[in-house]
Amino acid sequence: GHASHVTAAIEVAERDEAPVALHPADRLHWRATHPDDAADIEMADGGRFEVADVALEVMHTAGHSPGSVSLYCADLGTVFTGDALLATGPAAHEGEYPDFPGQLTAIGERLLGLPPQTRVLPGHGEETTISAAAKRFDGWVTAGPAVGLS
């Protein structure tokens, strides 16, 4: 729901004749950018999308924002994590972690439960794997909210 991710959502959706999907917990963030427009689809944990003949499962991975979601595609062995998880760890928003414990919980309980070879394609930076993230997870917990900040 952060402006850095949704500012062009309506324009891109119209251009590509696609719906806009949003988790309801990010509705306040969305309205700050798009006060007169609503998302077309309300995302929910466990929901599924069919895109280009593959299924994407919605995983609510709150922490970076209340409505952060990751999209897991078992057929491709890939998870799209947005800002929930980068190769360097949990992503900050504007230099701060809105809910660092929540973000670590989402990573540890939701994402690290995926098969180890799963490719992680984040919203920013290099890709990684669930296996690589699992090896670094305890370090992120120990480092606290300074992890990943430059």
C-alpha atoms as a PDB file:
ATOM      1  CA  GLY A   1       0.000   0.000   0.000  1.00  0.00           C
ATOM      2  CA  HIS A   2       2.953   2.395   0.223  1.00  0.00           C
ATOM      3  CA  ALA A   3       2.973   5.165  -2.367  1.00  0.00           C
ATOM      4  CA  SER A   4       6.268   3.885  -3.781  1.00  0.00           C
ATOM      5  CA  HIS A   5       4.421   0.748  -4.853  1.00  0.00           C
ATOM      6  CA  VAL A   6       0.915   1.941  -5.725  1.00  0.00           C
ATOM      7  CA  THR A   7       1.281   5.381  -7.317  1.00  0.00           C
ATOM      8  CA  ALA A   8       1.178   3.996 -10.868  1.00  0.00           C
ATOM      9  CA  ALA A   9      -1.094   1.022 -10.088  1.00  0.00           C
ATOM     10  CA  ILE A  10      -4.259   2.394 -11.678  1.00  0.00           C
ATOM     11  CA  GLU A  11      -2.472   3.676 -14.780  1.00  0.00           C
ATOM     12  CA  VAL A  12      -0.642   0.358 -15.290  1.00  0.00           C
ATOM     13  CA  ALA A  13      -3.804  -1.665 -14.659  1.00  0.00           C
ATOM     14  CA  GLU A  14      -5.747   0.367 -17.219  1.00  0.00           C
ATOM     15  CA  ARG A  15      -2.960   0.087 -19.778  1.00  0.00           C
ATOM     16  CA  ASP A  16      -2.710  -3.685 -19.321  1.00  0.00           C
ATOM     17  CA  GLU A  17      -6.465  -4.223 -18.831  1.00  0.00           C
ATOM     18  CA  ALA A  18      -5.790  -5.833 -15.460  1.00  0.00           C
ATOM     19  CA  PRO A  19      -7.394  -5.465 -12.037  1.00  0.00           C
ATOM     20  CA  VAL A  20      -5.696  -3.879  -9.038  1.00  0.00           C
ATOM     21  CA  ALA A  21      -5.450  -6.152  -5.986  1.00  0.00           C
ATOM     22  CA  LEU A  22      -4.845  -4.926  -2.432  1.00  0.00           C
ATOM     23  CA  HIS A  23      -4.894  -6.470   1.027  1.00  0.00           C
ATOM     24  CA  PRO A  24      -7.526  -4.633   3.123  1.00  0.00           C
ATOM     25  CA  ALA A  25      -5.005  -3.917   5.897  1.00  0.00           C
ATOM     26  CA  ASP A  26      -3.263  -1.516   3.489  1.00  0.00           C
ATOM     27  CA  ARG A  27      -6.421   0.367   2.569  1.00  0.00           C
ATOM     28  CA  LEU A  28      -5.368   3.491   4.543  1.00  0.00           C
ATOM     29  CA  HIS A  29      -2.015   3.620   2.734  1.00  0.00           C
ATOM     30  CA  TRP A  30      -3.822   3.163  -0.600  1.00  0.00           C
ATOM     31  CA  ARG A  31      -6.294   5.965   0.125  1.00  0.00           C
ATOM     32  CA  ALA A  32      -3.457   8.371   0.915  1.00  0.00           C
ATOM     33  CA  THR A  33      -2.353   7.969  -2.717  1.00  0.00           C
ATOM     34  CA  HIS A  34      -5.690   7.201  -4.397  1.00  0.00           C
ATOM     35  CA  PRO A  35      -8.426   8.868  -2.307  1.00  0.00           C
ATOM     36  CA  ASP A  36     -11.092   8.553  -5.011  1.00  0.00           C
ATOM     37  CA  ASP A  37     -10.349   5.045  -6.269  1.00  0.00           C
ATOM     38  CA  ALA A  38     -10.689   1.584  -4.784  1.00  0.00           C
ATOM     39  CA  ALA A  39      -8.774  -1.569  -5.616  1.00  0.00           C
ATOM     40  CA  ASP A  40     -10.675  -4.061  -7.763  1.00  0.00           C
ATOM     41  CA  ILE A  41      -9.773  -7.154  -5.741  1.00  0.00           C
ATOM     42  CA  GLU A  42      -9.468  -7.583  -1.984  1.00  0.00           C
ATOM     43  CA  MET A  43      -6.572  -9.954  -1.335  1.00  0.00           C
ATOM     44  CA  ALA A  44      -6.806 -12.442   1.522  1.00  0.00           C
ATOM     45  CA  ASP A  45      -4.326 -14.884   3.017  1.00  0.00           C
ATOM     46  CA  GLY A  46      -4.673 -18.185   1.198  1.00  0.00           C
ATOM     47  CA  GLY A  47      -6.347 -16.589  -1.808  1.00  0.00           C
ATOM     48  CA  ARG A  48      -5.320 -17.632  -5.305  1.00  0.00           C
ATOM     49  CA  PHE A  49      -4.815 -15.864  -8.618  1.00  0.00           C
ATOM     50  CA  GLU A  50      -4.439 -17.490 -12.011  1.00  0.00           C
ATOM     51  CA  VAL A  51      -1.914 -15.609 -14.143  1.00  0.00           C
ATOM     52  CA  ALA A  52      -0.441 -16.900 -17.410  1.00  0.00           C
ATOM     53  CA  ASP A  53      -1.547 -20.474 -16.658  1.00  0.00           C
ATOM     54  CA  VAL A  54       0.053 -20.619 -13.185  1.00  0.00           C
ATOM     55  CA  ALA A  55      -1.477 -20.209  -9.737  1.00  0.00           C
ATOM     56  CA  LEU A  56      -0.233 -17.574  -7.310  1.00  0.00           C
ATOM     57  CA  GLU A  57      -1.065 -18.117  -3.643  1.00  0.00           C
ATOM     58  CA  VAL A  58      -1.470 -15.029  -1.454  1.00  0.00           C
ATOM     59  CA  MET A  59       0.591 -15.139   1.746  1.00  0.00           C
ATOM     60  CA  HIS A  60      -0.111 -12.327   4.209  1.00  0.00           C
ATOM     61  CA  THR A  61       3.394 -11.273   5.298  1.00  0.00           C
ATOM     62  CA  ALA A  62       2.627  -8.171   7.352  1.00  0.00           C
ATOM     63  CA  GLY A  63       5.322  -6.094   8.970  1.00  0.00           C
ATOM     64  CA  HIS A  64       6.724  -3.855   6.255  1.00  0.00           C
ATOM     65  CA  SER A  65       3.150  -2.613   6.002  1.00  0.00           C
ATOM     66  CA  PRO A  66       0.021  -3.996   7.656  1.00  0.00           C
ATOM     67  CA  GLY A  67      -1.173  -5.483   4.382  1.00  0.00           C
ATOM     68  CA  SER A  68       2.109  -6.700   2.921  1.00  0.00           C
ATOM     69  CA  VAL A  69       1.643  -9.877   0.922  1.00  0.00           C
ATOM     70  CA  SER A  70       3.934 -12.306  -0.836  1.00  0.00           C
ATOM     71  CA  LEU A  71       2.788 -14.296  -3.850  1.00  0.00           C
ATOM     72  CA  TYR A  72       3.961 -17.924  -4.000  1.00  0.00           C
ATOM     73  CA  CYS A  73       3.964 -19.925  -7.209  1.00  0.00           C
ATOM     74  CA  ALA A  74       4.611 -23.597  -6.462  1.00  0.00           C
ATOM     75  CA  ASP A  75       4.677 -24.436 -10.178  1.00  0.00           C
ATOM     76  CA  LEU A  76       7.590 -22.050 -10.734  1.00  0.00           C
ATOM     77  CA  GLY A  77       9.267 -22.656  -7.358  1.00  0.00           C
ATOM     78  CA  THR A  78       9.189 -18.891  -6.799  1.00  0.00           C
ATOM     79  CA  VAL A  79       7.880 -16.433  -4.243  1.00  0.00           C
ATOM     80  CA  PHE A  80       7.452 -12.724  -4.986  1.00  0.00           C
ATOM     81  CA  THR A  81       8.088 -11.047  -1.622  1.00  0.00           C
ATOM     82  CA  GLY A  82       7.760  -7.337  -2.367  1.00  0.00           C
ATOM     83  CA  ASP A  83       9.368  -5.595   0.626  1.00  0.00           C
ATOM     84  CA  ALA A  84       8.656  -8.332   3.179  1.00  0.00           C
ATOM     85  CA  LEU A  85      12.020  -9.955   2.402  1.00  0.00           C
ATOM     86  CA  LEU A  86      14.966  -8.773   0.330  1.00  0.00           C
ATOM     87  CA  ALA A  87      18.212 -10.679  -0.267  1.00  0.00           C
ATOM     88  CA  THR A  88      19.732  -8.487   2.463  1.00  0.00           C
ATOM     89  CA  GLY A  89      16.914  -9.181   4.943  1.00  0.00           C
ATOM     90  CA  PRO A  90      13.749  -7.384   6.009  1.00  0.00           C
ATOM     91  CA  ALA A  91      13.183  -4.131   4.103  1.00  0.00           C
ATOM     92  CA  ALA A  92      12.829  -0.815   5.878  1.00  0.00           C
ATOM     93  CA  HIS A  93      10.359   1.842   4.754  1.00  0.00           C
ATOM     94  CA  GLU A  94      11.790   5.360   4.502  1.00  0.00           C
ATOM     95  CA  GLY A  95      14.662   4.376   6.818  1.00  0.00           C
ATOM     96  CA  GLU A  96      12.509   2.798   9.530  1.00  0.00           C
ATOM     97  CA  TYR A  97      10.865  -0.522  10.272  1.00  0.00           C
ATOM     98  CA  PRO A  98       7.154   0.049  10.950  1.00  0.00           C
ATOM     99  CA  ASP A  99       6.791  -3.377  12.630  1.00  0.00           C
ATOM    100  CA  PHE A 100      10.140  -5.171  12.732  1.00  0.00           C
ATOM    101  CA  PRO A 101       8.974  -8.014  15.047  1.00  0.00           C
ATOM    102  CA  GLY A 102       5.938  -8.568  12.819  1.00  0.00           C
ATOM    103  CA  GLN A 103       8.099  -8.608   9.711  1.00  0.00           C
ATOM    104  CA  LEU A 104      10.485 -11.164  11.259  1.00  0.00           C
ATOM    105  CA  THR A 105       7.508 -13.273  12.326  1.00  0.00           C
ATOM    106  CA  ALA A 106       6.124 -13.246   8.786  1.00  0.00           C
ATOM    107  CA  ILE A 107       9.506 -14.239   7.373  1.00  0.00           C
ATOM    108  CA  GLY A 108      10.125 -16.949   9.965  1.00  0.00           C
ATOM    109  CA  GLU A 109       6.656 -18.449  10.128  1.00  0.00           C
ATOM    110  CA  ARG A 110       5.427 -17.977   6.574  1.00  0.00           C
ATOM    111  CA  LEU A 111       8.271 -17.590   4.097  1.00  0.00           C
ATOM    112  CA  LEU A 112      10.883 -19.874   5.657  1.00  0.00           C
ATOM    113  CA  GLY A 113       8.275 -22.653   5.629  1.00  0.00           C
ATOM    114  CA  LEU A 114       8.469 -22.772   1.819  1.00  0.00           C
ATOM    115  CA  PRO A 115      10.720 -25.360   0.156  1.00  0.00           C
ATOM    116  CA  PRO A 116      14.407 -24.397   0.619  1.00  0.00           C
ATOM    117  CA  GLN A 117      15.121 -24.190  -3.123  1.00  0.00           C
ATOM    118  CA  THR A 118      12.314 -21.640  -3.669  1.00  0.00           C
ATOM    119  CA  ARG A 119      13.566 -18.555  -5.526  1.00  0.00           C
ATOM    120  CA  VAL A 120      12.838 -15.295  -3.709  1.00  0.00           C
ATOM    121  CA  LEU A 121      12.126 -12.408  -6.078  1.00  0.00           C
ATOM    122  CA  PRO A 122      11.898  -9.249  -3.954  1.00  0.00           C
ATOM    123  CA  GLY A 123      10.547  -5.841  -4.856  1.00  0.00           C
ATOM    124  CA  HIS A 124      14.095  -4.415  -4.852  1.00  0.00           C
ATOM    125  CA  GLY A 125      17.581  -5.789  -5.342  1.00  0.00           C
ATOM    126  CA  GLU A 126      18.974  -9.207  -6.116  1.00  0.00           C
ATOM    127  CA  GLU A 127      17.083 -12.460  -5.894  1.00  0.00           C
ATOM    128  CA  THR A 128      17.889 -15.064  -3.261  1.00  0.00           C
ATOM    129  CA  THR A 129      16.497 -18.403  -2.087  1.00  0.00           C
ATOM    130  CA  ILE A 130      14.572 -19.499   0.955  1.00  0.00           C
ATOM    131  CA  SER A 131      17.580 -21.615   1.934  1.00  0.00           C
ATOM    132  CA  ALA A 132      19.895 -18.584   1.886  1.00  0.00           C
ATOM    133  CA  ALA A 133      17.386 -16.518   3.874  1.00  0.00           C
ATOM    134  CA  ALA A 134      17.021 -19.280   6.463  1.00  0.00           C
ATOM    135  CA  LYS A 135      20.808 -19.294   7.008  1.00  0.00           C
ATOM    136  CA  ARG A 136      20.808 -15.537   7.629  1.00  0.00           C
ATOM    137  CA  PHE A 137      17.587 -15.299   9.652  1.00  0.00           C
ATOM    138  CA  ASP A 138      19.120 -15.631  13.145  1.00  0.00           C
ATOM    139  CA  GLY A 139      21.572 -12.846  12.279  1.00  0.00           C
ATOM    140  CA  TRP A 140      18.691 -10.557  11.330  1.00  0.00           C
ATOM    141  CA  VAL A 141      16.988 -11.313  14.639  1.00  0.00           C
ATOM    142  CA  THR A 142      20.190 -10.621  16.578  1.00  0.00           C
ATOM    143  CA  ALA A 143      21.023  -7.438  14.643  1.00  0.00           C
ATOM    144  CA  GLY A 144      17.584  -5.988  15.237  1.00  0.00           C
ATOM    145  CA  PRO A 145      16.043  -3.184  13.209  1.00  0.00           C
ATOM    146  CA  ALA A 146      19.405  -1.847  11.999  1.00  0.00           C
ATOM    147  CA  VAL A 147      19.724  -4.826   9.630  1.00  0.00           C
ATOM    148  CA  GLY A 148      19.775  -3.819   5.983  1.00  0.00           C
ATOM    149  CA  LEU A 149      19.987  -0.061   6.693  1.00  0.00           C
ATOM    150  CA  SER A 150      22.889   1.802   5.126  1.00  0.00           C
END
